[in-house]
Each structure stands twice: as C-alpha cells, then as structure tokens.
PDB file of N, CA and C in Angstrom:
ATOM      1  N   SER A   1      76.073  79.822 115.054  1.00  0.00           N
ATOM      2  CA  SER A   1      76.030  80.190 116.606  1.00  0.00           C
ATOM      3  C   SER A   1      75.227  79.194 117.301  1.00  0.00           C
ATOM      4  N   VAL A   2      74.182  78.596 116.755  1.00  0.00           N
ATOM      5  CA  VAL A   2      73.302  77.644 117.206  1.00  0.00           C
ATOM      6  C   VAL A   2      73.978  76.301 117.629  1.00  0.00           C
ATOM      7  N   GLY A   3      74.853  75.837 116.543  1.00  0.00           N
ATOM      8  CA  GLY A   3      75.705  74.659 116.779  1.00  0.00           C
ATOM      9  C   GLY A   3      76.767  75.038 118.023  1.00  0.00           C
ATOM     10  N   ILE A   4      77.197  76.235 118.048  1.00  0.00           N
ATOM     11  CA  ILE A   4      78.178  76.472 119.239  1.00  0.00           C
ATOM     12  C   ILE A   4      77.506  76.257 120.649  1.00  0.00           C
ATOM     13  N   GLY A   5      76.179  76.785 120.433  1.00  0.00           N
ATOM     14  CA  GLY A   5      75.375  76.508 121.933  1.00  0.00           C
ATOM     15  C   GLY A   5      75.279  75.151 122.136  1.00  0.00           C
ATOM     16  N   VAL A   6      74.698  74.380 121.013  1.00  0.00           N
ATOM     17  CA  VAL A   6      74.356  73.029 121.335  1.00  0.00           C
ATOM     18  C   VAL A   6      75.764  72.235 121.630  1.00  0.00           C
ATOM     19  N   LEU A   7      76.619  72.295 121.014  1.00  0.00           N
ATOM     20  CA  LEU A   7      78.081  71.760 121.424  1.00  0.00           C
ATOM     21  C   LEU A   7      78.799  72.057 122.737  1.00  0.00           C
ATOM     22  N   SER A   8      78.500  73.486 122.907  1.00  0.00           N
ATOM     23  CA  SER A   8      78.860  73.786 124.419  1.00  0.00           C
ATOM     24  C   SER A   8      78.122  73.207 125.659  1.00  0.00           C
ATOM     25  N   ALA A   9      76.841  72.981 125.245  1.00  0.00           N
ATOM     26  CA  ALA A   9      75.885  72.429 126.354  1.00  0.00           C
ATOM     27  C   ALA A   9      76.110  71.130 126.533  1.00  0.00           C
ATOM     28  N   ILE A  10      76.406  70.390 125.198  1.00  0.00           N
ATOM     29  CA  ILE A  10      76.764  68.699 125.455  1.00  0.00           C
ATOM     30  C   ILE A  10      77.934  68.686 126.226  1.00  0.00           C
ATOM     31  N   PHE A  11      78.843  69.283 126.026  1.00  0.00           N
ATOM     32  CA  PHE A  11      80.221  68.895 126.458  1.00  0.00           C
ATOM     33  C   PHE A  11      80.719  69.824 127.842  1.00  0.00           C
ATOM     34  N   ASP A  12      79.617  70.707 128.194  1.00  0.00           N
ATOM     35  CA  ASP A  12      80.027  71.402 129.482  1.00  0.00           C
ATOM     36  C   ASP A  12      78.756  71.729 130.290  1.00  0.00           C
ATOM     37  N   ASP A  13      78.348  71.191 131.282  1.00  0.00           N
ATOM     38  CA  ASP A  13      77.199  71.242 131.959  1.00  0.00           C
ATOM     39  C   ASP A  13      76.961  72.592 132.518  1.00  0.00           C
ATOM     40  N   SER A  14      77.972  73.329 132.751  1.00  0.00           N
ATOM     41  CA  SER A  14      77.962  74.672 133.476  1.00  0.00           C
ATOM     42  C   SER A  14      77.809  75.680 132.512  1.00  0.00           C
ATOM     43  N   PHE A  15      77.789  75.393 131.258  1.00  0.00           N
ATOM     44  CA  PHE A  15      77.782  76.351 130.049  1.00  0.00           C
ATOM     45  C   PHE A  15      76.194  76.758 130.075  1.00  0.00           C
ATOM     46  N   ILE A  16      75.260  75.903 130.320  1.00  0.00           N
ATOM     47  CA  ILE A  16      73.833  76.274 130.025  1.00  0.00           C
ATOM     48  C   ILE A  16      73.379  77.135 131.313  1.00  0.00           C
ATOM     49  N   ARG A  17      73.881  77.018 132.457  1.00  0.00           N
ATOM     50  CA  ARG A  17      73.840  77.919 133.684  1.00  0.00           C
ATOM     51  C   ARG A  17      74.291  79.125 133.321  1.00  0.00           C
ATOM     52  N   LEU A  18      75.448  79.235 132.628  1.00  0.00           N
ATOM     53  CA  LEU A  18      76.196  80.581 132.461  1.00  0.00           C
ATOM     54  C   LEU A  18      75.288  81.272 131.358  1.00  0.00           C
ATOM     55  N   ILE A  19      74.702  80.688 130.328  1.00  0.00           N
ATOM     56  CA  ILE A  19      73.813  81.200 129.339  1.00  0.00           C
ATOM     57  C   ILE A  19      72.378  81.718 129.662  1.00  0.00           C
ATOM     58  N   LEU A  20      71.827  80.569 130.486  1.00  0.00           N
ATOM     59  CA  LEU A  20      70.472  80.752 130.860  1.00  0.00           C
ATOM     60  C   LEU A  20      70.073  81.148 132.296  1.00  0.00           C
ATOM     61  N   SER A  21      71.099  81.290 133.162  1.00  0.00           N
ATOM     62  CA  SER A  21      70.892  81.673 134.660  1.00  0.00           C
ATOM     63  C   SER A  21      70.781  80.317 135.472  1.00  0.00           C
ATOM     64  N   ASP A  22      71.270  80.360 136.653  1.00  0.00           N
ATOM     65  CA  ASP A  22      70.830  79.326 137.496  1.00  0.00           C
ATOM     66  C   ASP A  22      69.499  79.091 137.764  1.00  0.00           C
ATOM     67  N   GLY A  23      69.156  80.451 138.092  1.00  0.00           N
ATOM     68  CA  GLY A  23      67.533  80.301 138.592  1.00  0.00           C
ATOM     69  C   GLY A  23      66.707  79.685 137.432  1.00  0.00           C
ATOM     70  N   TYR A  24      66.799  79.918 136.387  1.00  0.00           N
ATOM     71  CA  TYR A  24      66.066  79.473 135.134  1.00  0.00           C
ATOM     72  C   TYR A  24      66.081  77.852 135.218  1.00  0.00           C
ATOM     73  N   VAL A  25      67.485  77.465 135.162  1.00  0.00           N
ATOM     74  CA  VAL A  25      67.817  75.970 135.071  1.00  0.00           C
ATOM     75  C   VAL A  25      67.085  75.235 136.313  1.00  0.00           C
ATOM     76  N   ASN A  26      67.413  75.811 137.660  1.00  0.00           N
ATOM     77  CA  ASN A  26      66.896  75.214 138.700  1.00  0.00           C
ATOM     78  C   ASN A  26      65.381  75.065 138.765  1.00  0.00           C
ATOM     79  N   LYS A  27      64.798  76.065 138.233  1.00  0.00           N
ATOM     80  CA  LYS A  27      63.260  76.107 138.038  1.00  0.00           C
ATOM     81  C   LYS A  27      62.617  75.050 137.079  1.00  0.00           C
ATOM     82  N   THR A  28      63.538  75.080 135.999  1.00  0.00           N
ATOM     83  CA  THR A  28      63.162  73.962 134.842  1.00  0.00           C
ATOM     84  C   THR A  28      63.239  72.658 135.385  1.00  0.00           C
ATOM     85  N   LEU A  29      64.402  72.468 136.158  1.00  0.00           N
ATOM     86  CA  LEU A  29      64.699  70.926 136.613  1.00  0.00           C
ATOM     87  C   LEU A  29      63.693  70.641 137.655  1.00  0.00           C
ATOM     88  N   GLU A  30      63.404  71.421 138.468  1.00  0.00           N
ATOM     89  CA  GLU A  30      62.159  71.121 139.409  1.00  0.00           C
ATOM     90  C   GLU A  30      60.799  70.995 138.700  1.00  0.00           C
ATOM     91  N   ASN A  31      60.428  71.599 137.633  1.00  0.00           N
ATOM     92  CA  ASN A  31      59.225  71.546 136.975  1.00  0.00           C
ATOM     93  C   ASN A  31      59.185  70.223 136.389  1.00  0.00           C
ATOM     94  N   ILE A  32      60.546  69.712 135.657  1.00  0.00           N
ATOM     95  CA  ILE A  32      60.689  68.418 135.104  1.00  0.00           C
ATOM     96  C   ILE A  32      60.394  67.090 136.185  1.00  0.00           C
ATOM     97  N   LYS A  33      60.790  67.467 137.251  1.00  0.00           N
ATOM     98  CA  LYS A  33      60.538  66.317 138.355  1.00  0.00           C
ATOM     99  C   LYS A  33      59.139  66.355 138.648  1.00  0.00           C
ATOM    100  N   ASN A  34      58.495  67.650 138.596  1.00  0.00           N
ATOM    101  CA  ASN A  34      57.067  67.525 138.858  1.00  0.00           C
ATOM    102  C   ASN A  34      56.182  67.034 137.867  1.00  0.00           C
ATOM    103  N   GLY A  35      56.889  66.738 136.605  1.00  0.00           N
ATOM    104  CA  GLY A  35      56.087  66.213 135.289  1.00  0.00           C
ATOM    105  C   GLY A  35      55.582  67.353 134.487  1.00  0.00           C
ATOM    106  N   ASN A  36      55.964  68.386 134.680  1.00  0.00           N
ATOM    107  CA  ASN A  36      55.472  69.762 133.828  1.00  0.00           C
ATOM    108  C   ASN A  36      56.398  70.409 133.373  1.00  0.00           C
ATOM    109  N   PRO A  37      57.364  70.023 132.415  1.00  0.00           N
ATOM    110  CA  PRO A  37      58.765  70.649 132.138  1.00  0.00           C
ATOM    111  C   PRO A  37      58.355  72.084 131.550  1.00  0.00           C
ATOM    112  N   THR A  38      57.099  72.341 131.072  1.00  0.00           N
ATOM    113  CA  THR A  38      56.771  73.785 130.410  1.00  0.00           C
ATOM    114  C   THR A  38      56.157  74.611 131.422  1.00  0.00           C
ATOM    115  N   ALA A  39      56.103  74.363 132.648  1.00  0.00           N
ATOM    116  CA  ALA A  39      55.315  75.213 133.735  1.00  0.00           C
ATOM    117  C   ALA A  39      55.916  76.712 133.703  1.00  0.00           C
ATOM    118  N   VAL A  40      57.189  76.779 133.351  1.00  0.00           N
ATOM    119  CA  VAL A  40      57.747  78.061 133.630  1.00  0.00           C
ATOM    120  C   VAL A  40      56.941  79.080 132.766  1.00  0.00           C
ATOM    121  N   TYR A  41      56.273  78.490 131.544  1.00  0.00           N
ATOM    122  CA  TYR A  41      55.750  79.365 130.660  1.00  0.00           C
ATOM    123  C   TYR A  41      53.985  79.348 130.965  1.00  0.00           C
ATOM    124  N   ASN A  42      53.489  78.630 131.780  1.00  0.00           N
ATOM    125  CA  ASN A  42      52.238  78.848 132.140  1.00  0.00           C
ATOM    126  C   ASN A  42      51.956  79.754 133.183  1.00  0.00           C
ATOM    127  N   SER A  43      52.814  80.551 133.746  1.00  0.00           N
ATOM    128  CA  SER A  43      52.346  81.604 134.449  1.00  0.00           C
ATOM    129  C   SER A  43      51.781  82.592 133.840  1.00  0.00           C
ATOM    130  N   GLY A  44      50.779  83.289 134.322  1.00  0.00           N
ATOM    131  CA  GLY A  44      49.889  84.448 133.685  1.00  0.00           C
ATOM    132  C   GLY A  44      48.949  83.952 132.718  1.00  0.00           C
ATOM    133  N   THR A  45      48.656  85.060 132.064  1.00  0.00           N
ATOM    134  CA  THR A  45      47.383  84.778 130.997  1.00  0.00           C
ATOM    135  C   THR A  45      48.288  84.435 129.542  1.00  0.00           C
ATOM    136  N   ASN A  46      47.361  83.942 128.634  1.00  0.00           N
ATOM    137  CA  ASN A  46      47.886  83.877 127.263  1.00  0.00           C
ATOM    138  C   ASN A  46      48.149  85.267 126.880  1.00  0.00           C
ATOM    139  N   TRP A  47      47.425  86.014 126.955  1.00  0.00           N
ATOM    140  CA  TRP A  47      47.889  87.510 126.347  1.00  0.00           C
ATOM    141  C   TRP A  47      48.806  88.120 127.262  1.00  0.00           C
ATOM    142  N   GLY A  48      49.017  87.874 128.208  1.00  0.00           N
ATOM    143  CA  GLY A  48      50.329  88.289 129.116  1.00  0.00           C
ATOM    144  C   GLY A  48      51.631  87.588 128.594  1.00  0.00           C
ATOM    145  N   GLY A  49      51.655  86.526 128.204  1.00  0.00           N
ATOM    146  CA  GLY A  49      52.850  85.826 127.491  1.00  0.00           C
ATOM    147  C   GLY A  49      52.994  86.217 126.264  1.00  0.00           C
ATOM    148  N   PHE A  50      51.916  86.423 125.403  1.00  0.00           N
ATOM    149  CA  PHE A  50      51.952  87.095 124.015  1.00  0.00           C
ATOM    150  C   PHE A  50      52.542  88.428 124.042  1.00  0.00           C
ATOM    151  N   ILE A  51      52.039  89.238 124.867  1.00  0.00           N
ATOM    152  CA  ILE A  51      52.782  90.654 124.903  1.00  0.00           C
ATOM    153  C   ILE A  51      54.203  90.568 125.354  1.00  0.00           C
ATOM    154  N   GLY A  52      54.385  89.765 126.263  1.00  0.00           N
ATOM    155  CA  GLY A  52      55.908  89.781 126.689  1.00  0.00           C
ATOM    156  C   GLY A  52      56.809  89.161 125.805  1.00  0.00           C
ATOM    157  N   ILE A  53      56.448  88.078 124.910  1.00  0.00           N
ATOM    158  CA  ILE A  53      57.353  87.709 123.795  1.00  0.00           C
ATOM    159  C   ILE A  53      57.422  88.541 122.669  1.00  0.00           C
ATOM    160  N   THR A  54      56.284  89.282 122.473  1.00  0.00           N
ATOM    161  CA  THR A  54      56.122  90.144 121.463  1.00  0.00           C
ATOM    162  C   THR A  54      57.202  91.412 121.760  1.00  0.00           C
ATOM    163  N   PHE A  55      57.168  91.879 122.822  1.00  0.00           N
ATOM    164  CA  PHE A  55      58.174  92.853 123.253  1.00  0.00           C
ATOM    165  C   PHE A  55      59.461  92.665 123.229  1.00  0.00           C
ATOM    166  N   ASN A  56      59.618  91.369 123.689  1.00  0.00           N
ATOM    167  CA  ASN A  56      61.129  90.707 123.731  1.00  0.00           C
ATOM    168  C   ASN A  56      61.551  90.734 122.367  1.00  0.00           C
ATOM    169  N   ASN A  57      60.846  90.273 121.291  1.00  0.00           N
ATOM    170  CA  ASN A  57      61.303  90.057 120.111  1.00  0.00           C
ATOM    171  C   ASN A  57      61.396  91.454 119.306  1.00  0.00           C
ATOM    172  N   LEU A  58      60.558  92.518 119.704  1.00  0.00           N
ATOM    173  CA  LEU A  58      60.713  93.775 119.237  1.00  0.00           C
ATOM    174  C   LEU A  58      62.067  94.361 119.772  1.00  0.00           C
ATOM    175  N   TYR A  59      62.378  94.406 121.033  1.00  0.00           N
ATOM    176  CA  TYR A  59      63.558  94.894 121.583  1.00  0.00           C
ATOM    177  C   TYR A  59      64.946  94.325 121.044  1.00  0.00           C
ATOM    178  N   VAL A  60      64.734  92.883 120.803  1.00  0.00           N
ATOM    179  CA  VAL A  60      65.984  92.254 120.127  1.00  0.00           C
ATOM    180  C   VAL A  60      66.130  92.746 118.629  1.00  0.00           C
ATOM    181  N   GLY A  61      65.047  93.010 117.932  1.00  0.00           N
ATOM    182  CA  GLY A  61      64.979  93.440 116.670  1.00  0.00           C
ATOM    183  C   GLY A  61      65.424  94.723 116.398  1.00  0.00           C
ATOM    184  N   LEU A  62      65.098  95.703 117.561  1.00  0.00           N
ATOM    185  CA  LEU A  62      65.405  97.070 117.391  1.00  0.00           C
ATOM    186  C   LEU A  62      66.941  97.127 117.884  1.00  0.00           C
ATOM    187  N   LYS A  63      67.352  96.340 118.747  1.00  0.00           N
ATOM    188  CA  LYS A  63      68.827  96.406 119.358  1.00  0.00           C
ATOM    189  C   LYS A  63      69.699  95.977 118.001  1.00  0.00           C
ATOM    190  N   ALA A  64      69.399  94.966 117.290  1.00  0.00           N
ATOM    191  CA  ALA A  64      70.090  94.509 116.193  1.00  0.00           C
ATOM    192  C   ALA A  64      70.260  95.603 115.026  1.00  0.00           C
ATOM    193  N   PHE A  65      68.945  96.313 114.898  1.00  0.00           N
ATOM    194  CA  PHE A  65      68.798  97.469 113.826  1.00  0.00           C
ATOM    195  C   PHE A  65      69.992  98.602 114.309  1.00  0.00           C
ATOM    196  N   ALA A  66      69.852  98.900 115.679  1.00  0.00           N
ATOM    197  CA  ALA A  66      70.419  99.981 116.257  1.00  0.00           C
ATOM    198  C   ALA A  66      71.955  99.721 115.986  1.00  0.00           C
ATOM    199  N   PHE A  67      72.491  98.616 116.280  1.00  0.00           N
ATOM    200  CA  PHE A  67      73.950  98.125 116.402  1.00  0.00           C
ATOM    201  C   PHE A  67      74.439  98.066 114.923  1.00  0.00           C
ATOM    202  N   GLY A  68      73.575  98.254 113.869  1.00  0.00           N
ATOM    203  CA  GLY A  68      73.972  98.231 112.545  1.00  0.00           C
ATOM    204  C   GLY A  68      74.766  99.522 112.398  1.00  0.00           C
ATOM    205  N   ILE A  69      74.767 100.718 113.102  1.00  0.00           N
ATOM    206  CA  ILE A  69      75.617 101.775 113.063  1.00  0.00           C
ATOM    207  C   ILE A  69      77.158 101.525 113.110  1.00  0.00           C
ATOM    208  N   THR A  70      77.320 100.104 113.857  1.00  0.00           N
ATOM    209  CA  THR A  70      78.705  99.833 113.734  1.00  0.00           C
ATOM    210  C   THR A  70      79.335  98.851 112.797  1.00  0.00           C
ATOM    211  N   GLY A  71      78.628  99.025 111.674  1.00  0.00           N
ATOM    212  CA  GLY A  71      79.268  98.460 110.498  1.00  0.00           C
ATOM    213  C   GLY A  71      78.911  96.906 110.441  1.00  0.00           C
ATOM    214  N   GLY A  72      77.744  96.768 111.187  1.00  0.00           N
ATOM    215  CA  GLY A  72      77.387  95.246 111.015  1.00  0.00           C
ATOM    216  C   GLY A  72      77.921  94.377 112.324  1.00  0.00           C
ATOM    217  N   ILE A  73      79.026  94.978 112.935  1.00  0.00           N
ATOM    218  CA  ILE A  73      79.531  94.032 114.078  1.00  0.00           C
ATOM    219  C   ILE A  73      78.754  94.008 115.292  1.00  0.00           C
ATOM    220  N   GLY A  74      77.975  95.144 115.781  1.00  0.00           N
ATOM    221  CA  GLY A  74      76.936  95.006 116.732  1.00  0.00           C
ATOM    222  C   GLY A  74      75.803  94.093 116.370  1.00  0.00           C
ATOM    223  N   THR A  75      75.466  94.104 115.163  1.00  0.00           N
ATOM    224  CA  THR A  75      74.257  93.228 114.839  1.00  0.00           C
ATOM    225  C   THR A  75      74.880  91.954 114.646  1.00  0.00           C
ATOM    226  N   ALA A  76      75.948  91.479 114.184  1.00  0.00           N
ATOM    227  CA  ALA A  76      76.508  90.256 114.399  1.00  0.00           C
ATOM    228  C   ALA A  76      76.713  89.777 115.775  1.00  0.00           C
ATOM    229  N   TYR A  77      76.987  90.615 116.648  1.00  0.00           N
ATOM    230  CA  TYR A  77      77.132  89.998 117.998  1.00  0.00           C
ATOM    231  C   TYR A  77      75.730  89.765 118.490  1.00  0.00           C
ATOM    232  N   VAL A  78      74.649  90.601 118.282  1.00  0.00           N
ATOM    233  CA  VAL A  78      73.223  90.068 118.616  1.00  0.00           C
ATOM    234  C   VAL A  78      72.825  88.920 118.085  1.00  0.00           C
ATOM    235  N   LEU A  79      73.196  88.668 116.904  1.00  0.00           N
ATOM    236  CA  LEU A  79      72.771  87.552 116.347  1.00  0.00           C
ATOM    237  C   LEU A  79      73.709  86.122 116.724  1.00  0.00           C
ATOM    238  N   LEU A  80      74.838  86.431 117.137  1.00  0.00           N
ATOM    239  CA  LEU A  80      75.512  85.440 117.615  1.00  0.00           C
ATOM    240  C   LEU A  80      75.114  85.099 119.057  1.00  0.00           C
ATOM    241  N   SER A  81      74.987  86.007 119.906  1.00  0.00           N
ATOM    242  CA  SER A  81      74.720  85.675 121.099  1.00  0.00           C
ATOM    243  C   SER A  81      73.094  85.035 121.333  1.00  0.00           C
ATOM    244  N   ASN A  82      72.215  85.500 120.554  1.00  0.00           N
ATOM    245  CA  ASN A  82      70.906  84.845 120.440  1.00  0.00           C
ATOM    246  C   ASN A  82      71.083  83.322 119.935  1.00  0.00           C
ATOM    247  N   GLY A  83      71.792  83.219 119.031  1.00  0.00           N
ATOM    248  CA  GLY A  83      71.860  81.910 118.628  1.00  0.00           C
ATOM    249  C   GLY A  83      72.527  80.881 119.452  1.00  0.00           C
ATOM    250  N   ILE A  84      73.477  81.350 120.199  1.00  0.00           N
ATOM    251  CA  ILE A  84      74.093  80.620 121.474  1.00  0.00           C
ATOM    252  C   ILE A  84      73.051  80.346 122.541  1.00  0.00           C
ATOM    253  N   MET A  85      72.349  81.273 122.819  1.00  0.00           N
ATOM    254  CA  MET A  85      71.427  81.171 123.704  1.00  0.00           C
ATOM    255  C   MET A  85      70.237  79.993 123.380  1.00  0.00           C
ATOM    256  N   LEU A  86      69.878  80.152 121.905  1.00  0.00           N
ATOM    257  CA  LEU A  86      68.705  79.218 121.513  1.00  0.00           C
ATOM    258  C   LEU A  86      69.601  77.940 121.524  1.00  0.00           C
ATOM    259  N   GLY A  87      70.753  77.608 120.963  1.00  0.00           N
ATOM    260  CA  GLY A  87      71.432  76.332 121.113  1.00  0.00           C
ATOM    261  C   GLY A  87      71.626  75.801 122.287  1.00  0.00           C
ATOM    262  N   SER A  88      71.939  76.596 123.242  1.00  0.00           N
ATOM    263  CA  SER A  88      71.946  76.046 124.677  1.00  0.00           C
ATOM    264  C   SER A  88      70.574  75.705 125.374  1.00  0.00           C
ATOM    265  N   PHE A  89      69.682  76.173 124.909  1.00  0.00           N
ATOM    266  CA  PHE A  89      68.113  76.004 125.337  1.00  0.00           C
ATOM    267  C   PHE A  89      67.833  74.730 124.909  1.00  0.00           C
TER     268      PHE A  89
END
C-alpha cells in the first residue's frame, strides 16, 4: 500500500492533495519557500505534539482492532488507507 501511495504521488500531482488535503499541502509548500519544511510540526510544545501523536496512533490502532469484527476486511482497509497516506507523504 505504501508503494501505491508513492507511485500515485509520482504520476499524479493531484493525488497528494486528495490524500493529504489542500490546506496541508499548501502550508507545507509555503513552509518550504520560507526555508523550514517541517514548520507544520513546530507549533505548540513538545508535550503537546507527543500527546497528539500518541492519541492519533491509539485511535488508529483501536479502529483497526475494532474493525477486526468484519473478519479482517475492515482492518485491511485501515492498513491500506494508512499505507497509501504514508506513501503519498
């Protein structure tokens, strides 16, 4: 699924905007022009970022676990969608 994201991002510029949103892509492009491509992650405190990432990971893991009730189909969807997002990133 990561390969799907990478190849889709290489061959279709609009794919990244579809997956990551226009706002995120525009903000990142502006930060690159300003010389700080990772500025989107510099807002807030270190603890705030840690807590936000932790809760997001717990949410995704819980969702994948809960979707296991579908016989693994829902879990496969969560893994596929997150892999595509990672590849396009």
